[in-house]
């Protein structure tokens, strides 16, 4: 992985934990961090031994978004610099979104700008109650990136997305859960246990079926009902042909716990 110190990677029992590791800068995203994220996402996507991916931040913040100090130093070259950062970041987000394994985000603290996009990208997004969420772009005269203008309307609806994006309103973790921006919020000291419970359940599931489910959900907004049902039929048939599909059916009939292998 490129720049491994900026995104820490730890593997354990099929779980790949990726930790944003610029705590002294609030895990702000500069070119090196964006590049490290891109390589981490490629590795997560390609590694067949990984059955679920957990993304979190080190320190007080999950991720404060773009590194404003780096932006300021860009001067007249800010445009190309922003394109470079966004290019790597968007590559990472696309691969996290389209990989055939679930993504869990453990939002350990405040998330802003592109950090908000990373936080809400999780299939399951769990936040510490002390966390809060802000788009932040209006305050610095920039428009959003990181896929937030695609994700927000799908998660919370266009009207709420307009308020969050245009008015720069800070949203608490509890408010974010209530509006569907995240899955749920928990007490700060309960975050680790809640995340472990969730990741354990996902790792024990049929990874292939979960991957097909992710793909179906991701594509559902751009197709007709009939087209979506055709994709569902193909996906469930593929799942049924798999070893996990056969195991799941056999375990159900035998009234025992299924032992999925991810195949």
C-alpha atoms as a PDB file:
ATOM      1  CA  UNK A   1       0.000   0.000   0.000  1.00  0.00           C
ATOM      2  CA  UNK A   2       1.253   3.491  -0.772  1.00  0.00           C
ATOM      3  CA  UNK A   3       1.925   5.707   2.276  1.00  0.00           C
ATOM      4  CA  UNK A   4       0.882   2.993   4.776  1.00  0.00           C
ATOM      5  CA  UNK A   5       1.439   5.330   7.738  1.00  0.00           C
ATOM      6  CA  UNK A   6      -1.452   7.547   6.636  1.00  0.00           C
ATOM      7  CA  UNK A   7      -4.012   4.731   6.450  1.00  0.00           C
ATOM      8  CA  UNK A   8      -3.291   1.943   8.919  1.00  0.00           C
ATOM      9  CA  UNK A   9      -4.426  -1.512   7.793  1.00  0.00           C
ATOM     10  CA  UNK A  10      -5.118  -4.389  10.155  1.00  0.00           C
ATOM     11  CA  UNK A  11      -6.500  -7.806   9.194  1.00  0.00           C
ATOM     12  CA  UNK A  12      -8.222 -10.154  11.600  1.00  0.00           C
ATOM     13  CA  UNK A  13     -10.585 -13.059  10.856  1.00  0.00           C
ATOM     14  CA  UNK A  14     -11.740 -11.695   7.499  1.00  0.00           C
ATOM     15  CA  UNK A  15     -12.113  -8.094   8.707  1.00  0.00           C
ATOM     16  CA  UNK A  16      -9.904  -5.391   7.212  1.00  0.00           C
ATOM     17  CA  UNK A  17      -9.781  -2.355   9.495  1.00  0.00           C
ATOM     18  CA  UNK A  18      -8.589   0.854   7.843  1.00  0.00           C
ATOM     19  CA  UNK A  19      -7.750   3.734  10.171  1.00  0.00           C
ATOM     20  CA  UNK A  20      -7.190   7.278   8.950  1.00  0.00           C
ATOM     21  CA  UNK A  21      -3.929   8.226  10.626  1.00  0.00           C
ATOM     22  CA  UNK A  22      -3.283  11.964  10.643  1.00  0.00           C
ATOM     23  CA  UNK A  23      -4.663  12.654  14.132  1.00  0.00           C
ATOM     24  CA  UNK A  24      -2.569  15.800  14.569  1.00  0.00           C
ATOM     25  CA  UNK A  25      -4.393  17.263  11.540  1.00  0.00           C
ATOM     26  CA  UNK A  26      -7.839  15.885  12.298  1.00  0.00           C
ATOM     27  CA  UNK A  27      -7.201  13.212   9.645  1.00  0.00           C
ATOM     28  CA  UNK A  28      -7.438  15.952   7.029  1.00  0.00           C
ATOM     29  CA  UNK A  29      -7.116  14.875   3.404  1.00  0.00           C
ATOM     30  CA  UNK A  30      -4.132  16.099   1.412  1.00  0.00           C
ATOM     31  CA  UNK A  31      -2.670  14.528  -1.736  1.00  0.00           C
ATOM     32  CA  UNK A  32      -0.780  11.865   0.212  1.00  0.00           C
ATOM     33  CA  UNK A  33      -3.815  10.906   2.307  1.00  0.00           C
ATOM     34  CA  UNK A  34      -6.069  10.748  -0.757  1.00  0.00           C
ATOM     35  CA  UNK A  35      -3.504   8.571  -2.526  1.00  0.00           C
ATOM     36  CA  UNK A  36      -3.211   6.293   0.511  1.00  0.00           C
ATOM     37  CA  UNK A  37      -6.989   5.938   0.647  1.00  0.00           C
ATOM     38  CA  UNK A  38      -7.123   5.040  -3.040  1.00  0.00           C
ATOM     39  CA  UNK A  39      -4.545   2.292  -2.608  1.00  0.00           C
ATOM     40  CA  UNK A  40      -6.258   1.039   0.548  1.00  0.00           C
ATOM     41  CA  UNK A  41      -9.575   0.821  -1.307  1.00  0.00           C
ATOM     42  CA  UNK A  42      -7.993  -1.090  -4.190  1.00  0.00           C
ATOM     43  CA  UNK A  43      -6.408  -3.513  -1.740  1.00  0.00           C
ATOM     44  CA  UNK A  44      -9.709  -3.997   0.100  1.00  0.00           C
ATOM     45  CA  UNK A  45     -11.508  -4.616  -3.183  1.00  0.00           C
ATOM     46  CA  UNK A  46      -8.947  -7.071  -4.533  1.00  0.00           C
ATOM     47  CA  UNK A  47      -8.149  -9.141  -1.437  1.00  0.00           C
ATOM     48  CA  UNK A  48     -10.385 -12.220  -1.544  1.00  0.00           C
ATOM     49  CA  UNK A  49      -9.640 -13.010   2.111  1.00  0.00           C
ATOM     50  CA  UNK A  50     -11.381  -9.803   3.213  1.00  0.00           C
ATOM     51  CA  UNK A  51     -15.065 -10.367   4.003  1.00  0.00           C
ATOM     52  CA  UNK A  52     -15.851  -6.922   5.439  1.00  0.00           C
ATOM     53  CA  UNK A  53     -14.099  -3.554   5.661  1.00  0.00           C
ATOM     54  CA  UNK A  54     -14.185  -1.205   8.640  1.00  0.00           C
ATOM     55  CA  UNK A  55     -13.207   2.453   8.169  1.00  0.00           C
ATOM     56  CA  UNK A  56     -12.529   4.678  11.158  1.00  0.00           C
ATOM     57  CA  UNK A  57     -10.314   7.551  12.282  1.00  0.00           C
ATOM     58  CA  UNK A  58      -7.545   7.840  14.840  1.00  0.00           C
ATOM     59  CA  UNK A  59      -7.748  10.502  17.500  1.00  0.00           C
ATOM     60  CA  UNK A  60     -10.490  12.976  18.293  1.00  0.00           C
ATOM     61  CA  UNK A  61     -11.826  13.357  14.738  1.00  0.00           C
ATOM     62  CA  UNK A  62     -13.097  10.909  12.149  1.00  0.00           C
ATOM     63  CA  UNK A  63     -12.030  13.246   9.335  1.00  0.00           C
ATOM     64  CA  UNK A  64     -12.273  17.028   9.023  1.00  0.00           C
ATOM     65  CA  UNK A  65     -12.250  16.899   5.208  1.00  0.00           C
ATOM     66  CA  UNK A  66      -9.731  18.598   2.960  1.00  0.00           C
ATOM     67  CA  UNK A  67      -6.536  20.055   4.418  1.00  0.00           C
ATOM     68  CA  UNK A  68      -7.254  23.788   4.290  1.00  0.00           C
ATOM     69  CA  UNK A  69      -3.628  24.690   4.998  1.00  0.00           C
ATOM     70  CA  UNK A  70      -2.561  22.744   1.919  1.00  0.00           C
ATOM     71  CA  UNK A  71      -5.309  24.462  -0.085  1.00  0.00           C
ATOM     72  CA  UNK A  72      -4.040  27.875   0.995  1.00  0.00           C
ATOM     73  CA  UNK A  73      -0.466  26.969   0.055  1.00  0.00           C
ATOM     74  CA  UNK A  74      -1.659  25.974  -3.417  1.00  0.00           C
ATOM     75  CA  UNK A  75      -2.052  29.602  -4.419  1.00  0.00           C
ATOM     76  CA  UNK A  76      -2.656  30.000  -8.151  1.00  0.00           C
ATOM     77  CA  UNK A  77      -2.275  26.237  -8.558  1.00  0.00           C
ATOM     78  CA  UNK A  78      -5.208  25.440  -6.269  1.00  0.00           C
ATOM     79  CA  UNK A  79      -7.394  24.258  -9.147  1.00  0.00           C
ATOM     80  CA  UNK A  80      -5.003  21.512 -10.319  1.00  0.00           C
ATOM     81  CA  UNK A  81      -4.275  20.592  -6.682  1.00  0.00           C
ATOM     82  CA  UNK A  82      -7.985  20.120  -5.927  1.00  0.00           C
ATOM     83  CA  UNK A  83      -8.392  17.999  -9.046  1.00  0.00           C
ATOM     84  CA  UNK A  84      -5.503  15.787  -7.951  1.00  0.00           C
ATOM     85  CA  UNK A  85      -6.879  15.302  -4.442  1.00  0.00           C
ATOM     86  CA  UNK A  86     -10.432  14.756  -5.677  1.00  0.00           C
ATOM     87  CA  UNK A  87      -9.260  12.332  -8.354  1.00  0.00           C
ATOM     88  CA  UNK A  88      -7.577  10.011  -5.840  1.00  0.00           C
ATOM     89  CA  UNK A  89     -10.327  10.435  -3.264  1.00  0.00           C
ATOM     90  CA  UNK A  90     -13.094   9.741  -5.763  1.00  0.00           C
ATOM     91  CA  UNK A  91     -11.292   6.638  -6.969  1.00  0.00           C
ATOM     92  CA  UNK A  92     -11.197   5.399  -3.362  1.00  0.00           C
ATOM     93  CA  UNK A  93     -14.864   6.176  -2.724  1.00  0.00           C
ATOM     94  CA  UNK A  94     -15.951   4.485  -5.952  1.00  0.00           C
ATOM     95  CA  UNK A  95     -14.077   1.307  -5.079  1.00  0.00           C
ATOM     96  CA  UNK A  96     -15.361   1.257  -1.509  1.00  0.00           C
ATOM     97  CA  UNK A  97     -18.892   1.672  -2.862  1.00  0.00           C
ATOM     98  CA  UNK A  98     -18.638  -1.003  -5.554  1.00  0.00           C
ATOM     99  CA  UNK A  99     -16.536  -3.691  -3.890  1.00  0.00           C
ATOM    100  CA  UNK A 100     -18.340  -7.003  -3.318  1.00  0.00           C
ATOM    101  CA  UNK A 101     -18.097  -6.875   0.462  1.00  0.00           C
ATOM    102  CA  UNK A 102     -19.785  -4.654   3.058  1.00  0.00           C
ATOM    103  CA  UNK A 103     -18.305  -1.417   4.384  1.00  0.00           C
ATOM    104  CA  UNK A 104     -18.825  -0.361   7.996  1.00  0.00           C
ATOM    105  CA  UNK A 105     -17.881   3.123   9.168  1.00  0.00           C
ATOM    106  CA  UNK A 106     -17.099   3.696  12.849  1.00  0.00           C
ATOM    107  CA  UNK A 107     -17.439   7.453  13.180  1.00  0.00           C
ATOM    108  CA  UNK A 108     -15.369   8.156  16.262  1.00  0.00           C
ATOM    109  CA  UNK A 109     -15.652  11.937  16.104  1.00  0.00           C
ATOM    110  CA  UNK A 110     -16.651  14.931  13.983  1.00  0.00           C
ATOM    111  CA  UNK A 111     -16.829  14.511  10.210  1.00  0.00           C
ATOM    112  CA  UNK A 112     -16.788  17.439   7.800  1.00  0.00           C
ATOM    113  CA  UNK A 113     -16.525  18.011   4.066  1.00  0.00           C
ATOM    114  CA  UNK A 114     -15.155  14.950   2.282  1.00  0.00           C
ATOM    115  CA  UNK A 115     -14.850  13.345   5.722  1.00  0.00           C
ATOM    116  CA  UNK A 116     -18.635  13.423   5.913  1.00  0.00           C
ATOM    117  CA  UNK A 117     -18.787  11.642   2.551  1.00  0.00           C
ATOM    118  CA  UNK A 118     -16.495   8.901   3.844  1.00  0.00           C
ATOM    119  CA  UNK A 119     -18.509   8.605   7.063  1.00  0.00           C
ATOM    120  CA  UNK A 120     -21.895   8.156   5.396  1.00  0.00           C
ATOM    121  CA  UNK A 121     -20.535   5.832   2.697  1.00  0.00           C
ATOM    122  CA  UNK A 122     -20.751   2.840   5.018  1.00  0.00           C
ATOM    123  CA  UNK A 123     -23.501   0.294   4.464  1.00  0.00           C
ATOM    124  CA  UNK A 124     -23.686   0.447   8.236  1.00  0.00           C
ATOM    125  CA  UNK A 125     -22.572   3.801   9.656  1.00  0.00           C
ATOM    126  CA  UNK A 126     -22.287   3.930  13.442  1.00  0.00           C
ATOM    127  CA  UNK A 127     -21.341   7.164  15.190  1.00  0.00           C
ATOM    128  CA  UNK A 128     -20.223   8.042  18.682  1.00  0.00           C
ATOM    129  CA  UNK A 129     -22.733  10.396  20.252  1.00  0.00           C
ATOM    130  CA  UNK A 130     -20.114  13.148  20.481  1.00  0.00           C
ATOM    131  CA  UNK A 131     -19.654  13.118  16.699  1.00  0.00           C
ATOM    132  CA  UNK A 132     -21.269  15.740  14.496  1.00  0.00           C
ATOM    133  CA  UNK A 133     -21.547  16.283  10.763  1.00  0.00           C
ATOM    134  CA  UNK A 134     -21.015  19.379   8.616  1.00  0.00           C
ATOM    135  CA  UNK A 135     -20.646  19.838   4.858  1.00  0.00           C
ATOM    136  CA  UNK A 136     -18.388  22.840   5.571  1.00  0.00           C
ATOM    137  CA  UNK A 137     -17.867  23.851   1.918  1.00  0.00           C
ATOM    138  CA  UNK A 138     -19.940  27.086   2.010  1.00  0.00           C
ATOM    139  CA  UNK A 139     -17.744  28.427   4.814  1.00  0.00           C
ATOM    140  CA  UNK A 140     -14.648  28.305   2.588  1.00  0.00           C
ATOM    141  CA  UNK A 141     -16.289  29.267  -0.699  1.00  0.00           C
ATOM    142  CA  UNK A 142     -16.100  25.831  -2.303  1.00  0.00           C
ATOM    143  CA  UNK A 143     -18.643  23.378  -3.704  1.00  0.00           C
ATOM    144  CA  UNK A 144     -18.863  19.772  -2.455  1.00  0.00           C
ATOM    145  CA  UNK A 145     -16.880  16.746  -3.579  1.00  0.00           C
ATOM    146  CA  UNK A 146     -16.459  13.204  -2.316  1.00  0.00           C
ATOM    147  CA  UNK A 147     -19.804  12.107  -3.744  1.00  0.00           C
ATOM    148  CA  UNK A 148     -21.797  13.984  -1.105  1.00  0.00           C
ATOM    149  CA  UNK A 149     -24.197  15.529  -3.640  1.00  0.00           C
ATOM    150  CA  UNK A 150     -25.006  11.989  -4.849  1.00  0.00           C
ATOM    151  CA  UNK A 151     -25.194  10.339  -1.430  1.00  0.00           C
ATOM    152  CA  UNK A 152     -27.123  12.977   0.516  1.00  0.00           C
ATOM    153  CA  UNK A 153     -30.322  13.129  -1.586  1.00  0.00           C
ATOM    154  CA  UNK A 154     -30.504   9.313  -1.572  1.00  0.00           C
ATOM    155  CA  UNK A 155     -30.064   9.065   2.187  1.00  0.00           C
ATOM    156  CA  UNK A 156     -32.077  12.008   3.498  1.00  0.00           C
ATOM    157  CA  UNK A 157     -34.070  13.315   0.502  1.00  0.00           C
ATOM    158  CA  UNK A 158     -33.478  16.344  -1.671  1.00  0.00           C
ATOM    159  CA  UNK A 159     -35.064  18.933   0.639  1.00  0.00           C
ATOM    160  CA  UNK A 160     -32.948  18.006   3.669  1.00  0.00           C
ATOM    161  CA  UNK A 161     -29.859  17.635   1.447  1.00  0.00           C
ATOM    162  CA  UNK A 162     -30.377  21.192   0.194  1.00  0.00           C
ATOM    163  CA  UNK A 163     -30.407  22.526   3.754  1.00  0.00           C
ATOM    164  CA  UNK A 164     -27.307  20.594   4.760  1.00  0.00           C
ATOM    165  CA  UNK A 165     -25.351  21.545   1.632  1.00  0.00           C
ATOM    166  CA  UNK A 166     -26.406  25.171   1.212  1.00  0.00           C
ATOM    167  CA  UNK A 167     -26.860  26.346   4.807  1.00  0.00           C
ATOM    168  CA  UNK A 168     -23.881  24.489   6.241  1.00  0.00           C
ATOM    169  CA  UNK A 169     -25.948  23.273   9.192  1.00  0.00           C
ATOM    170  CA  UNK A 170     -24.141  21.197  11.796  1.00  0.00           C
ATOM    171  CA  UNK A 171     -25.960  17.957  12.556  1.00  0.00           C
ATOM    172  CA  UNK A 172     -25.517  16.005  15.781  1.00  0.00           C
ATOM    173  CA  UNK A 173     -25.083  12.240  15.724  1.00  0.00           C
ATOM    174  CA  UNK A 174     -28.565  11.717  17.133  1.00  0.00           C
ATOM    175  CA  UNK A 175     -30.097  14.045  14.508  1.00  0.00           C
ATOM    176  CA  UNK A 176     -28.104  12.292  11.784  1.00  0.00           C
ATOM    177  CA  UNK A 177     -29.495   8.919  12.858  1.00  0.00           C
ATOM    178  CA  UNK A 178     -33.051  10.258  13.014  1.00  0.00           C
ATOM    179  CA  UNK A 179     -32.883  11.657   9.461  1.00  0.00           C
ATOM    180  CA  UNK A 180     -31.199   8.547   8.017  1.00  0.00           C
ATOM    181  CA  UNK A 181     -27.807  10.128   7.395  1.00  0.00           C
ATOM    182  CA  UNK A 182     -26.204   7.379   9.499  1.00  0.00           C
ATOM    183  CA  UNK A 183     -27.462   4.028  10.765  1.00  0.00           C
ATOM    184  CA  UNK A 184     -27.378   4.806  14.478  1.00  0.00           C
ATOM    185  CA  UNK A 185     -25.513   6.652  17.214  1.00  0.00           C
ATOM    186  CA  UNK A 186     -24.294   5.149  20.458  1.00  0.00           C
ATOM    187  CA  UNK A 187     -22.583   6.372  23.598  1.00  0.00           C
ATOM    188  CA  UNK A 188     -18.917   7.076  22.998  1.00  0.00           C
ATOM    189  CA  UNK A 189     -17.786   4.289  25.307  1.00  0.00           C
ATOM    190  CA  UNK A 190     -20.122   1.819  23.565  1.00  0.00           C
ATOM    191  CA  UNK A 191     -18.880   2.495  20.017  1.00  0.00           C
ATOM    192  CA  UNK A 192     -16.193  -0.207  19.928  1.00  0.00           C
ATOM    193  CA  UNK A 193     -18.531  -2.909  21.251  1.00  0.00           C
ATOM    194  CA  UNK A 194     -21.326  -1.934  18.843  1.00  0.00           C
ATOM    195  CA  UNK A 195     -18.972  -1.953  15.885  1.00  0.00           C
ATOM    196  CA  UNK A 196     -17.546  -5.335  16.897  1.00  0.00           C
ATOM    197  CA  UNK A 197     -21.037  -6.812  17.146  1.00  0.00           C
ATOM    198  CA  UNK A 198     -21.892  -5.522  13.674  1.00  0.00           C
ATOM    199  CA  UNK A 199     -18.674  -6.578  11.975  1.00  0.00           C
ATOM    200  CA  UNK A 200     -18.819 -10.035  13.565  1.00  0.00           C
ATOM    201  CA  UNK A 201     -22.301 -10.597  12.164  1.00  0.00           C
ATOM    202  CA  UNK A 202     -21.324  -9.406   8.679  1.00  0.00           C
ATOM    203  CA  UNK A 203     -18.154 -11.512   8.555  1.00  0.00           C
ATOM    204  CA  UNK A 204     -20.221 -14.586   9.453  1.00  0.00           C
ATOM    205  CA  UNK A 205     -22.649 -13.869   6.600  1.00  0.00           C
ATOM    206  CA  UNK A 206     -22.504 -15.041   2.989  1.00  0.00           C
ATOM    207  CA  UNK A 207     -20.104 -12.462   1.547  1.00  0.00           C
ATOM    208  CA  UNK A 208     -21.044 -13.127  -2.076  1.00  0.00           C
ATOM    209  CA  UNK A 209     -24.731 -12.583  -1.397  1.00  0.00           C
ATOM    210  CA  UNK A 210     -23.974  -9.396   0.516  1.00  0.00           C
ATOM    211  CA  UNK A 211     -21.875  -8.149  -2.389  1.00  0.00           C
ATOM    212  CA  UNK A 212     -24.676  -8.814  -4.865  1.00  0.00           C
ATOM    213  CA  UNK A 213     -27.109  -7.058  -2.526  1.00  0.00           C
ATOM    214  CA  UNK A 214     -24.823  -3.995  -2.379  1.00  0.00           C
ATOM    215  CA  UNK A 215     -24.694  -3.896  -6.161  1.00  0.00           C
ATOM    216  CA  UNK A 216     -28.469  -4.186  -6.485  1.00  0.00           C
ATOM    217  CA  UNK A 217     -29.090  -1.376  -4.023  1.00  0.00           C
ATOM    218  CA  UNK A 218     -26.494   0.862  -5.652  1.00  0.00           C
ATOM    219  CA  UNK A 219     -28.020   0.488  -9.111  1.00  0.00           C
ATOM    220  CA  UNK A 220     -31.673   0.645  -8.083  1.00  0.00           C
ATOM    221  CA  UNK A 221     -32.192   4.395  -8.482  1.00  0.00           C
ATOM    222  CA  UNK A 222     -31.302   4.463 -12.171  1.00  0.00           C
ATOM    223  CA  UNK A 223     -33.395   1.621 -13.572  1.00  0.00           C
ATOM    224  CA  UNK A 224     -37.015   0.597 -14.031  1.00  0.00           C
ATOM    225  CA  UNK A 225     -38.753  -1.879 -11.747  1.00  0.00           C
ATOM    226  CA  UNK A 226     -38.655  -4.527 -14.450  1.00  0.00           C
ATOM    227  CA  UNK A 227     -34.934  -4.028 -15.086  1.00  0.00           C
ATOM    228  CA  UNK A 228     -34.207  -4.195 -11.378  1.00  0.00           C
ATOM    229  CA  UNK A 229     -36.192  -7.410 -10.976  1.00  0.00           C
ATOM    230  CA  UNK A 230     -34.276  -8.991 -13.855  1.00  0.00           C
ATOM    231  CA  UNK A 231     -31.014  -8.144 -12.084  1.00  0.00           C
ATOM    232  CA  UNK A 232     -32.458  -9.551  -8.858  1.00  0.00           C
ATOM    233  CA  UNK A 233     -33.364 -12.802 -10.629  1.00  0.00           C
ATOM    234  CA  UNK A 234     -29.845 -13.128 -12.014  1.00  0.00           C
ATOM    235  CA  UNK A 235     -28.245 -12.308  -8.670  1.00  0.00           C
ATOM    236  CA  UNK A 236     -30.345 -14.752  -6.643  1.00  0.00           C
ATOM    237  CA  UNK A 237     -29.653 -17.502  -9.180  1.00  0.00           C
ATOM    238  CA  UNK A 238     -25.924 -16.791  -8.909  1.00  0.00           C
ATOM    239  CA  UNK A 239     -26.219 -16.890  -5.116  1.00  0.00           C
ATOM    240  CA  UNK A 240     -28.110 -20.167  -5.300  1.00  0.00           C
ATOM    241  CA  UNK A 241     -25.345 -21.747  -7.373  1.00  0.00           C
ATOM    242  CA  UNK A 242     -22.704 -20.764  -4.820  1.00  0.00           C
ATOM    243  CA  UNK A 243     -21.388 -22.911  -1.983  1.00  0.00           C
ATOM    244  CA  UNK A 244     -22.766 -20.420   0.541  1.00  0.00           C
ATOM    245  CA  UNK A 245     -26.207 -20.566  -1.060  1.00  0.00           C
ATOM    246  CA  UNK A 246     -26.303 -24.349  -0.801  1.00  0.00           C
ATOM    247  CA  UNK A 247     -24.989 -24.219   2.752  1.00  0.00           C
ATOM    248  CA  UNK A 248     -27.571 -21.649   3.819  1.00  0.00           C
ATOM    249  CA  UNK A 249     -30.472 -23.707   2.504  1.00  0.00           C
ATOM    250  CA  UNK A 250     -29.127 -26.938   4.005  1.00  0.00           C
ATOM    251  CA  UNK A 251     -28.558 -25.287   7.386  1.00  0.00           C
ATOM    252  CA  UNK A 252     -32.065 -23.833   7.435  1.00  0.00           C
ATOM    253  CA  UNK A 253     -33.640 -27.226   6.741  1.00  0.00           C
ATOM    254  CA  UNK A 254     -31.422 -28.927   9.318  1.00  0.00           C
ATOM    255  CA  UNK A 255     -32.220 -26.197  11.865  1.00  0.00           C
ATOM    256  CA  UNK A 256     -28.548 -25.476  12.492  1.00  0.00           C
ATOM    257  CA  UNK A 257     -26.332 -22.427  12.185  1.00  0.00           C
ATOM    258  CA  UNK A 258     -24.978 -21.947   8.671  1.00  0.00           C
ATOM    259  CA  UNK A 259     -21.212 -21.862   8.250  1.00  0.00           C
ATOM    260  CA  UNK A 260     -20.535 -19.542   5.330  1.00  0.00           C
ATOM    261  CA  UNK A 261     -17.103 -19.468   3.717  1.00  0.00           C
ATOM    262  CA  UNK A 262     -17.586 -16.513   1.382  1.00  0.00           C
ATOM    263  CA  UNK A 263     -17.670 -18.754  -1.696  1.00  0.00           C
END
